[in-house]
Amino acid sequence: MDQLRKYPALVFAILGLFFYGQFINVFILAVLWEFIEDCLDKGISADNMYQHFAEYQSLWKQDELSKQNKVIDLGTNLGAYYVGHYIRNKLPL
């Protein structure tokens, strides 16, 4: 699991190759990916779950609380999925 945590972009690019056109599902998976990483780092508790999802809520409210890190992680994961999606369009599969 530690190897997967180091290379989430590679995992999402591979998902883009195999699961074509699932952008909404990948967005949900990207949020869950970050949630699982937080749970592995901090442990599973109601307070940690609330804090994790409160950070995403602050994205929509335009707060500066950890906004940049969450947006960069989500953008990287979705961008990697799109790269895999694009490569699949170019390959004769």
PDB file of N, CA and C in Angstrom:
ATOM      1  N   MET A   1       0.824  -1.191   0.000  1.00  0.00           N
ATOM      2  CA  MET A   1       0.000   0.000   0.000  1.00  0.00           C
ATOM      3  C   MET A   1       0.867   1.253   0.000  1.00  0.00           C
ATOM      4  N   ASP A   2       2.029   1.178   0.635  1.00  0.00           N
ATOM      5  CA  ASP A   2       2.901   2.350   0.657  1.00  0.00           C
ATOM      6  C   ASP A   2       3.360   2.739  -0.743  1.00  0.00           C
ATOM      7  N   GLN A   3       3.588   1.755  -1.613  1.00  0.00           N
ATOM      8  CA  GLN A   3       4.000   2.066  -2.977  1.00  0.00           C
ATOM      9  C   GLN A   3       2.896   2.779  -3.743  1.00  0.00           C
ATOM     10  N   LEU A   4       1.642   2.391  -3.508  1.00  0.00           N
ATOM     11  CA  LEU A   4       0.522   3.053  -4.167  1.00  0.00           C
ATOM     12  C   LEU A   4       0.349   4.480  -3.663  1.00  0.00           C
ATOM     13  N   ARG A   5       0.657   4.710  -2.404  1.00  0.00           N
ATOM     14  CA  ARG A   5       0.524   6.051  -1.832  1.00  0.00           C
ATOM     15  C   ARG A   5       1.562   7.002  -2.402  1.00  0.00           C
ATOM     16  N   LYS A   6       2.681   6.479  -2.892  1.00  0.00           N
ATOM     17  CA  LYS A   6       3.725   7.337  -3.443  1.00  0.00           C
ATOM     18  C   LYS A   6       3.412   7.783  -4.869  1.00  0.00           C
ATOM     19  N   TYR A   7       2.643   6.980  -5.606  1.00  0.00           N
ATOM     20  CA  TYR A   7       2.426   7.253  -7.022  1.00  0.00           C
ATOM     21  C   TYR A   7       0.942   7.267  -7.385  1.00  0.00           C
ATOM     22  N   PRO A   8       0.145   8.150  -6.789  1.00  0.00           N
ATOM     23  CA  PRO A   8      -1.284   8.140  -7.125  1.00  0.00           C
ATOM     24  C   PRO A   8      -1.547   8.542  -8.577  1.00  0.00           C
ATOM     25  N   ALA A   9      -0.702   9.383  -9.154  1.00  0.00           N
ATOM     26  CA  ALA A   9      -0.917   9.797 -10.541  1.00  0.00           C
ATOM     27  C   ALA A   9      -0.780   8.602 -11.481  1.00  0.00           C
ATOM     28  N   LEU A  10       0.163   7.723 -11.212  1.00  0.00           N
ATOM     29  CA  LEU A  10       0.331   6.526 -12.037  1.00  0.00           C
ATOM     30  C   LEU A  10      -0.894   5.625 -11.925  1.00  0.00           C
ATOM     31  N   VAL A  11      -1.425   5.487 -10.724  1.00  0.00           N
ATOM     32  CA  VAL A  11      -2.619   4.665 -10.520  1.00  0.00           C
ATOM     33  C   VAL A  11      -3.793   5.249 -11.295  1.00  0.00           C
ATOM     34  N   PHE A  12      -3.971   6.556 -11.248  1.00  0.00           N
ATOM     35  CA  PHE A  12      -5.087   7.175 -11.953  1.00  0.00           C
ATOM     36  C   PHE A  12      -4.892   7.147 -13.465  1.00  0.00           C
ATOM     37  N   ALA A  13      -3.646   7.199 -13.944  1.00  0.00           N
ATOM     38  CA  ALA A  13      -3.400   7.063 -15.379  1.00  0.00           C
ATOM     39  C   ALA A  13      -3.763   5.659 -15.857  1.00  0.00           C
ATOM     40  N   ILE A  14      -3.443   4.654 -15.068  1.00  0.00           N
ATOM     41  CA  ILE A  14      -3.811   3.275 -15.417  1.00  0.00           C
ATOM     42  C   ILE A  14      -5.329   3.116 -15.395  1.00  0.00           C
ATOM     43  N   LEU A  15      -5.979   3.746 -14.427  1.00  0.00           N
ATOM     44  CA  LEU A  15      -7.446   3.712 -14.398  1.00  0.00           C
ATOM     45  C   LEU A  15      -8.024   4.368 -15.650  1.00  0.00           C
ATOM     46  N   GLY A  16      -7.385   5.405 -16.134  1.00  0.00           N
ATOM     47  CA  GLY A  16      -7.837   6.071 -17.356  1.00  0.00           C
ATOM     48  C   GLY A  16      -7.713   5.184 -18.581  1.00  0.00           C
ATOM     49  N   LEU A  17      -6.721   4.296 -18.582  1.00  0.00           N
ATOM     50  CA  LEU A  17      -6.577   3.361 -19.698  1.00  0.00           C
ATOM     51  C   LEU A  17      -7.699   2.328 -19.714  1.00  0.00           C
ATOM     52  N   PHE A  18      -8.072   1.841 -18.550  1.00  0.00           N
ATOM     53  CA  PHE A  18      -9.009   0.719 -18.485  1.00  0.00           C
ATOM     54  C   PHE A  18     -10.469   1.127 -18.309  1.00  0.00           C
ATOM     55  N   PHE A  19     -10.717   2.242 -17.636  1.00  0.00           N
ATOM     56  CA  PHE A  19     -12.088   2.676 -17.384  1.00  0.00           C
ATOM     57  C   PHE A  19     -12.327   3.966 -18.148  1.00  0.00           C
ATOM     58  N   TYR A  20     -12.847   3.824 -19.329  1.00  0.00           N
ATOM     59  CA  TYR A  20     -12.973   4.906 -20.298  1.00  0.00           C
ATOM     60  C   TYR A  20     -14.182   5.785 -19.991  1.00  0.00           C
ATOM     61  N   GLY A  21     -13.985   7.095 -19.885  1.00  0.00           N
ATOM     62  CA  GLY A  21     -15.066   8.053 -19.780  1.00  0.00           C
ATOM     63  C   GLY A  21     -15.798   8.089 -18.451  1.00  0.00           C
ATOM     64  N   GLN A  22     -15.157   7.755 -17.375  1.00  0.00           N
ATOM     65  CA  GLN A  22     -15.793   7.710 -16.054  1.00  0.00           C
ATOM     66  C   GLN A  22     -15.307   8.882 -15.197  1.00  0.00           C
ATOM     67  N   PHE A  23     -15.479  10.106 -15.666  1.00  0.00           N
ATOM     68  CA  PHE A  23     -14.901  11.267 -15.005  1.00  0.00           C
ATOM     69  C   PHE A  23     -15.534  11.565 -13.650  1.00  0.00           C
ATOM     70  N   ILE A  24     -16.830  11.425 -13.526  1.00  0.00           N
ATOM     71  CA  ILE A  24     -17.490  11.672 -12.237  1.00  0.00           C
ATOM     72  C   ILE A  24     -17.058  10.623 -11.218  1.00  0.00           C
ATOM     73  N   ASN A  25     -16.997   9.371 -11.651  1.00  0.00           N
ATOM     74  CA  ASN A  25     -16.572   8.306 -10.741  1.00  0.00           C
ATOM     75  C   ASN A  25     -15.125   8.488 -10.311  1.00  0.00           C
ATOM     76  N   VAL A  26     -14.286   8.980 -11.205  1.00  0.00           N
ATOM     77  CA  VAL A  26     -12.883   9.211 -10.857  1.00  0.00           C
ATOM     78  C   VAL A  26     -12.759  10.375  -9.883  1.00  0.00           C
ATOM     79  N   PHE A  27     -13.591  11.391 -10.031  1.00  0.00           N
ATOM     80  CA  PHE A  27     -13.584  12.492  -9.070  1.00  0.00           C
ATOM     81  C   PHE A  27     -13.937  11.979  -7.675  1.00  0.00           C
ATOM     82  N   ILE A  28     -14.967  11.150  -7.592  1.00  0.00           N
ATOM     83  CA  ILE A  28     -15.355  10.561  -6.304  1.00  0.00           C
ATOM     84  C   ILE A  28     -14.226   9.689  -5.764  1.00  0.00           C
ATOM     85  N   LEU A  29     -13.599   8.905  -6.637  1.00  0.00           N
ATOM     86  CA  LEU A  29     -12.486   8.059  -6.211  1.00  0.00           C
ATOM     87  C   LEU A  29     -11.305   8.894  -5.731  1.00  0.00           C
ATOM     88  N   ALA A  30     -11.047  10.038  -6.354  1.00  0.00           N
ATOM     89  CA  ALA A  30      -9.945  10.909  -5.933  1.00  0.00           C
ATOM     90  C   ALA A  30     -10.193  11.450  -4.531  1.00  0.00           C
ATOM     91  N   VAL A  31     -11.441  11.828  -4.242  1.00  0.00           N
ATOM     92  CA  VAL A  31     -11.764  12.305  -2.895  1.00  0.00           C
ATOM     93  C   VAL A  31     -11.608  11.169  -1.887  1.00  0.00           C
ATOM     94  N   LEU A  32     -12.079   9.977  -2.253  1.00  0.00           N
ATOM     95  CA  LEU A  32     -11.934   8.825  -1.356  1.00  0.00           C
ATOM     96  C   LEU A  32     -10.473   8.438  -1.172  1.00  0.00           C
ATOM     97  N   TRP A  33      -9.676   8.578  -2.224  1.00  0.00           N
ATOM     98  CA  TRP A  33      -8.240   8.279  -2.139  1.00  0.00           C
ATOM     99  C   TRP A  33      -7.595   9.158  -1.068  1.00  0.00           C
ATOM    100  N   GLU A  34      -7.893  10.450  -1.104  1.00  0.00           N
ATOM    101  CA  GLU A  34      -7.342  11.363  -0.100  1.00  0.00           C
ATOM    102  C   GLU A  34      -7.853  11.023   1.296  1.00  0.00           C
ATOM    103  N   PHE A  35      -9.108  10.625   1.381  1.00  0.00           N
ATOM    104  CA  PHE A  35      -9.682  10.246   2.669  1.00  0.00           C
ATOM    105  C   PHE A  35      -8.969   9.015   3.239  1.00  0.00           C
ATOM    106  N   ILE A  36      -8.715   8.023   2.407  1.00  0.00           N
ATOM    107  CA  ILE A  36      -8.030   6.813   2.863  1.00  0.00           C
ATOM    108  C   ILE A  36      -6.604   7.136   3.279  1.00  0.00           C
ATOM    109  N   GLU A  37      -5.924   8.007   2.530  1.00  0.00           N
ATOM    110  CA  GLU A  37      -4.573   8.407   2.926  1.00  0.00           C
ATOM    111  C   GLU A  37      -4.576   9.100   4.286  1.00  0.00           C
ATOM    112  N   ASP A  38      -5.557   9.980   4.502  1.00  0.00           N
ATOM    113  CA  ASP A  38      -5.663  10.639   5.805  1.00  0.00           C
ATOM    114  C   ASP A  38      -5.939   9.637   6.912  1.00  0.00           C
ATOM    115  N   CYS A  39      -6.793   8.660   6.641  1.00  0.00           N
ATOM    116  CA  CYS A  39      -7.099   7.641   7.650  1.00  0.00           C
ATOM    117  C   CYS A  39      -5.871   6.795   7.978  1.00  0.00           C
ATOM    118  N   LEU A  40      -5.050   6.495   6.970  1.00  0.00           N
ATOM    119  CA  LEU A  40      -3.842   5.721   7.227  1.00  0.00           C
ATOM    120  C   LEU A  40      -2.833   6.522   8.041  1.00  0.00           C
ATOM    121  N   ASP A  41      -2.808   7.839   7.833  1.00  0.00           N
ATOM    122  CA  ASP A  41      -1.869   8.686   8.573  1.00  0.00           C
ATOM    123  C   ASP A  41      -2.352   8.992   9.986  1.00  0.00           C
ATOM    124  N   LYS A  42      -3.622   9.361  10.120  1.00  0.00           N
ATOM    125  CA  LYS A  42      -4.140   9.849  11.399  1.00  0.00           C
ATOM    126  C   LYS A  42      -4.971   8.836  12.168  1.00  0.00           C
ATOM    127  N   GLY A  43      -5.397   7.779  11.511  1.00  0.00           N
ATOM    128  CA  GLY A  43      -6.284   6.820  12.150  1.00  0.00           C
ATOM    129  C   GLY A  43      -7.738   7.132  11.841  1.00  0.00           C
ATOM    130  N   ILE A  44      -8.585   6.161  12.095  1.00  0.00           N
ATOM    131  CA  ILE A  44     -10.006   6.327  11.805  1.00  0.00           C
ATOM    132  C   ILE A  44     -10.728   6.717  13.083  1.00  0.00           C
ATOM    133  N   SER A  45     -11.306   7.893  13.067  1.00  0.00           N
ATOM    134  CA  SER A  45     -12.141   8.351  14.168  1.00  0.00           C
ATOM    135  C   SER A  45     -13.147   9.346  13.606  1.00  0.00           C
ATOM    136  N   ALA A  46     -14.183   9.604  14.347  1.00  0.00           N
ATOM    137  CA  ALA A  46     -15.205  10.539  13.881  1.00  0.00           C
ATOM    138  C   ALA A  46     -14.636  11.939  13.704  1.00  0.00           C
ATOM    139  N   ASP A  47     -13.732  12.342  14.583  1.00  0.00           N
ATOM    140  CA  ASP A  47     -13.132  13.673  14.479  1.00  0.00           C
ATOM    141  C   ASP A  47     -12.285  13.818  13.214  1.00  0.00           C
ATOM    142  N   ASN A  48     -11.504  12.781  12.902  1.00  0.00           N
ATOM    143  CA  ASN A  48     -10.672  12.833  11.702  1.00  0.00           C
ATOM    144  C   ASN A  48     -11.522  12.850  10.434  1.00  0.00           C
ATOM    145  N   MET A  49     -12.609  12.067  10.431  1.00  0.00           N
ATOM    146  CA  MET A  49     -13.504  12.063   9.270  1.00  0.00           C
ATOM    147  C   MET A  49     -14.151  13.428   9.086  1.00  0.00           C
ATOM    148  N   TYR A  50     -14.617  14.008  10.164  1.00  0.00           N
ATOM    149  CA  TYR A  50     -15.255  15.325  10.095  1.00  0.00           C
ATOM    150  C   TYR A  50     -14.258  16.381   9.603  1.00  0.00           C
ATOM    151  N   GLN A  51     -13.040  16.327  10.133  1.00  0.00           N
ATOM    152  CA  GLN A  51     -12.025  17.302   9.735  1.00  0.00           C
ATOM    153  C   GLN A  51     -11.670  17.158   8.254  1.00  0.00           C
ATOM    154  N   HIS A  52     -11.568  15.920   7.775  1.00  0.00           N
ATOM    155  CA  HIS A  52     -11.219  15.701   6.372  1.00  0.00           C
ATOM    156  C   HIS A  52     -12.279  16.293   5.442  1.00  0.00           C
ATOM    157  N   PHE A  53     -13.534  15.977   5.705  1.00  0.00           N
ATOM    158  CA  PHE A  53     -14.583  16.476   4.827  1.00  0.00           C
ATOM    159  C   PHE A  53     -14.858  17.960   5.045  1.00  0.00           C
ATOM    160  N   ALA A  54     -14.537  18.478   6.217  1.00  0.00           N
ATOM    161  CA  ALA A  54     -14.657  19.920   6.447  1.00  0.00           C
ATOM    162  C   ALA A  54     -13.636  20.681   5.606  1.00  0.00           C
ATOM    163  N   GLU A  55     -12.466  20.083   5.370  1.00  0.00           N
ATOM    164  CA  GLU A  55     -11.475  20.722   4.513  1.00  0.00           C
ATOM    165  C   GLU A  55     -11.983  20.819   3.079  1.00  0.00           C
ATOM    166  N   TYR A  56     -12.699  19.803   2.610  1.00  0.00           N
ATOM    167  CA  TYR A  56     -13.282  19.884   1.270  1.00  0.00           C
ATOM    168  C   TYR A  56     -14.416  20.902   1.233  1.00  0.00           C
ATOM    169  N   GLN A  57     -15.161  21.008   2.320  1.00  0.00           N
ATOM    170  CA  GLN A  57     -16.236  21.989   2.370  1.00  0.00           C
ATOM    171  C   GLN A  57     -15.658  23.404   2.309  1.00  0.00           C
ATOM    172  N   SER A  58     -14.486  23.595   2.901  1.00  0.00           N
ATOM    173  CA  SER A  58     -13.874  24.914   2.855  1.00  0.00           C
ATOM    174  C   SER A  58     -13.430  25.285   1.444  1.00  0.00           C
ATOM    175  N   LEU A  59     -13.233  24.299   0.565  1.00  0.00           N
ATOM    176  CA  LEU A  59     -12.908  24.608  -0.830  1.00  0.00           C
ATOM    177  C   LEU A  59     -14.049  25.372  -1.489  1.00  0.00           C
ATOM    178  N   TRP A  60     -15.264  24.947  -1.211  1.00  0.00           N
ATOM    179  CA  TRP A  60     -16.418  25.565  -1.860  1.00  0.00           C
ATOM    180  C   TRP A  60     -16.759  26.917  -1.226  1.00  0.00           C
ATOM    181  N   LYS A  61     -16.365  27.108   0.026  1.00  0.00           N
ATOM    182  CA  LYS A  61     -16.640  28.379   0.703  1.00  0.00           C
ATOM    183  C   LYS A  61     -15.550  29.420   0.454  1.00  0.00           C
ATOM    184  N   GLN A  62     -14.536  29.057  -0.297  1.00  0.00           N
ATOM    185  CA  GLN A  62     -13.426  29.948  -0.626  1.00  0.00           C
ATOM    186  C   GLN A  62     -12.588  30.324   0.586  1.00  0.00           C
ATOM    187  N   ASP A  63     -12.496  29.441   1.570  1.00  0.00           N
ATOM    188  CA  ASP A  63     -11.564  29.652   2.672  1.00  0.00           C
ATOM    189  C   ASP A  63     -10.166  29.269   2.209  1.00  0.00           C
ATOM    190  N   GLU A  64      -9.177  29.736   2.907  1.00  0.00           N
ATOM    191  CA  GLU A  64      -7.801  29.414   2.553  1.00  0.00           C
ATOM    192  C   GLU A  64      -7.254  28.229   3.353  1.00  0.00           C
ATOM    193  N   LEU A  65      -8.085  27.586   4.147  1.00  0.00           N
ATOM    194  CA  LEU A  65      -7.661  26.479   4.997  1.00  0.00           C
ATOM    195  C   LEU A  65      -7.335  25.262   4.135  1.00  0.00           C
ATOM    196  N   SER A  66      -6.076  24.991   3.939  1.00  0.00           N
ATOM    197  CA  SER A  66      -5.561  23.840   3.181  1.00  0.00           C
ATOM    198  C   SER A  66      -6.170  23.724   1.797  1.00  0.00           C
ATOM    199  N   LYS A  67      -6.635  24.824   1.256  1.00  0.00           N
ATOM    200  CA  LYS A  67      -7.284  24.812  -0.051  1.00  0.00           C
ATOM    201  C   LYS A  67      -6.309  24.404  -1.154  1.00  0.00           C
ATOM    202  N   GLN A  68      -5.150  24.955  -1.122  1.00  0.00           N
ATOM    203  CA  GLN A  68      -4.200  24.750  -2.203  1.00  0.00           C
ATOM    204  C   GLN A  68      -3.777  23.282  -2.317  1.00  0.00           C
ATOM    205  N   ASN A  69      -3.504  22.626  -1.208  1.00  0.00           N
ATOM    206  CA  ASN A  69      -3.053  21.247  -1.238  1.00  0.00           C
ATOM    207  C   ASN A  69      -4.144  20.324  -1.771  1.00  0.00           C
ATOM    208  N   LYS A  70      -5.373  20.510  -1.335  1.00  0.00           N
ATOM    209  CA  LYS A  70      -6.476  19.659  -1.790  1.00  0.00           C
ATOM    210  C   LYS A  70      -6.734  19.848  -3.280  1.00  0.00           C
ATOM    211  N   VAL A  71      -6.705  21.078  -3.741  1.00  0.00           N
ATOM    212  CA  VAL A  71      -6.961  21.350  -5.154  1.00  0.00           C
ATOM    213  C   VAL A  71      -5.850  20.762  -6.017  1.00  0.00           C
ATOM    214  N   ILE A  72      -4.618  20.880  -5.579  1.00  0.00           N
ATOM    215  CA  ILE A  72      -3.495  20.325  -6.338  1.00  0.00           C
ATOM    216  C   ILE A  72      -3.594  18.802  -6.399  1.00  0.00           C
ATOM    217  N   ASP A  73      -3.914  18.150  -5.291  1.00  0.00           N
ATOM    218  CA  ASP A  73      -4.050  16.692  -5.284  1.00  0.00           C
ATOM    219  C   ASP A  73      -5.181  16.229  -6.192  1.00  0.00           C
ATOM    220  N   LEU A  74      -6.335  16.873  -6.096  1.00  0.00           N
ATOM    221  CA  LEU A  74      -7.460  16.501  -6.960  1.00  0.00           C
ATOM    222  C   LEU A  74      -7.138  16.765  -8.428  1.00  0.00           C
ATOM    223  N   GLY A  75      -6.531  17.900  -8.695  1.00  0.00           N
ATOM    224  CA  GLY A  75      -6.173  18.231 -10.079  1.00  0.00           C
ATOM    225  C   GLY A  75      -5.153  17.269 -10.658  1.00  0.00           C
ATOM    226  N   THR A  76      -4.178  16.885  -9.865  1.00  0.00           N
ATOM    227  CA  THR A  76      -3.170  15.930 -10.324  1.00  0.00           C
ATOM    228  C   THR A  76      -3.801  14.580 -10.639  1.00  0.00           C
ATOM    229  N   ASN A  77      -4.656  14.099  -9.745  1.00  0.00           N
ATOM    230  CA  ASN A  77      -5.287  12.804  -9.961  1.00  0.00           C
ATOM    231  C   ASN A  77      -6.213  12.831 -11.176  1.00  0.00           C
ATOM    232  N   LEU A  78      -7.012  13.879 -11.319  1.00  0.00           N
ATOM    233  CA  LEU A  78      -7.902  13.974 -12.475  1.00  0.00           C
ATOM    234  C   LEU A  78      -7.118  14.193 -13.771  1.00  0.00           C
ATOM    235  N   GLY A  79      -6.036  14.952 -13.694  1.00  0.00           N
ATOM    236  CA  GLY A  79      -5.189  15.134 -14.873  1.00  0.00           C
ATOM    237  C   GLY A  79      -4.528  13.842 -15.311  1.00  0.00           C
ATOM    238  N   ALA A  80      -4.085  13.049 -14.361  1.00  0.00           N
ATOM    239  CA  ALA A  80      -3.478  11.757 -14.693  1.00  0.00           C
ATOM    240  C   ALA A  80      -4.509  10.823 -15.308  1.00  0.00           C
ATOM    241  N   TYR A  81      -5.731  10.852 -14.793  1.00  0.00           N
ATOM    242  CA  TYR A  81      -6.795  10.038 -15.390  1.00  0.00           C
ATOM    243  C   TYR A  81      -7.041  10.473 -16.829  1.00  0.00           C
ATOM    244  N   TYR A  82      -7.067  11.774 -17.065  1.00  0.00           N
ATOM    245  CA  TYR A  82      -7.293  12.267 -18.417  1.00  0.00           C
ATOM    246  C   TYR A  82      -6.163  11.856 -19.355  1.00  0.00           C
ATOM    247  N   VAL A  83      -4.930  11.848 -18.872  1.00  0.00           N
ATOM    248  CA  VAL A  83      -3.792  11.402 -19.699  1.00  0.00           C
ATOM    249  C   VAL A  83      -3.992   9.944 -20.099  1.00  0.00           C
ATOM    250  N   GLY A  84      -4.368   9.084 -19.144  1.00  0.00           N
ATOM    251  CA  GLY A  84      -4.644   7.688 -19.477  1.00  0.00           C
ATOM    252  C   GLY A  84      -5.800   7.564 -20.447  1.00  0.00           C
ATOM    253  N   HIS A  85      -6.819   8.372 -20.265  1.00  0.00           N
ATOM    254  CA  HIS A  85      -7.981   8.412 -21.152  1.00  0.00           C
ATOM    255  C   HIS A  85      -7.559   8.830 -22.567  1.00  0.00           C
ATOM    256  N   TYR A  86      -6.711   9.827 -22.657  1.00  0.00           N
ATOM    257  CA  TYR A  86      -6.218  10.333 -23.949  1.00  0.00           C
ATOM    258  C   TYR A  86      -5.359   9.283 -24.634  1.00  0.00           C
ATOM    259  N   ILE A  87      -4.482   8.615 -23.894  1.00  0.00           N
ATOM    260  CA  ILE A  87      -3.628   7.581 -24.478  1.00  0.00           C
ATOM    261  C   ILE A  87      -4.483   6.438 -25.027  1.00  0.00           C
ATOM    262  N   ARG A  88      -5.518   6.081 -24.310  1.00  0.00           N
ATOM    263  CA  ARG A  88      -6.395   5.010 -24.791  1.00  0.00           C
ATOM    264  C   ARG A  88      -7.065   5.420 -26.102  1.00  0.00           C
ATOM    265  N   ASN A  89      -7.426   6.677 -26.260  1.00  0.00           N
ATOM    266  CA  ASN A  89      -8.017   7.125 -27.534  1.00  0.00           C
ATOM    267  C   ASN A  89      -7.030   7.008 -28.686  1.00  0.00           C
ATOM    268  N   LYS A  90      -5.755   7.170 -28.386  1.00  0.00           N
ATOM    269  CA  LYS A  90      -4.738   7.148 -29.441  1.00  0.00           C
ATOM    270  C   LYS A  90      -4.255   5.739 -29.779  1.00  0.00           C
ATOM    271  N   LEU A  91      -4.440   4.794 -28.870  1.00  0.00           N
ATOM    272  CA  LEU A  91      -4.006   3.421 -29.124  1.00  0.00           C
ATOM    273  C   LEU A  91      -5.091   2.649 -29.861  1.00  0.00           C
ATOM    274  N   PRO A  92      -4.708   1.761 -30.757  1.00  0.00           N
ATOM    275  CA  PRO A  92      -5.723   0.960 -31.458  1.00  0.00           C
ATOM    276  C   PRO A  92      -6.185  -0.216 -30.605  1.00  0.00           C
ATOM    277  N   LEU A  93      -7.036   0.061 -29.619  1.00  0.00           N
ATOM    278  CA  LEU A  93      -7.545  -1.004 -28.755  1.00  0.00           C
ATOM    279  C   LEU A  93      -8.948  -1.379 -29.148  1.00  0.00           C
TER     280      LEU A  93
END
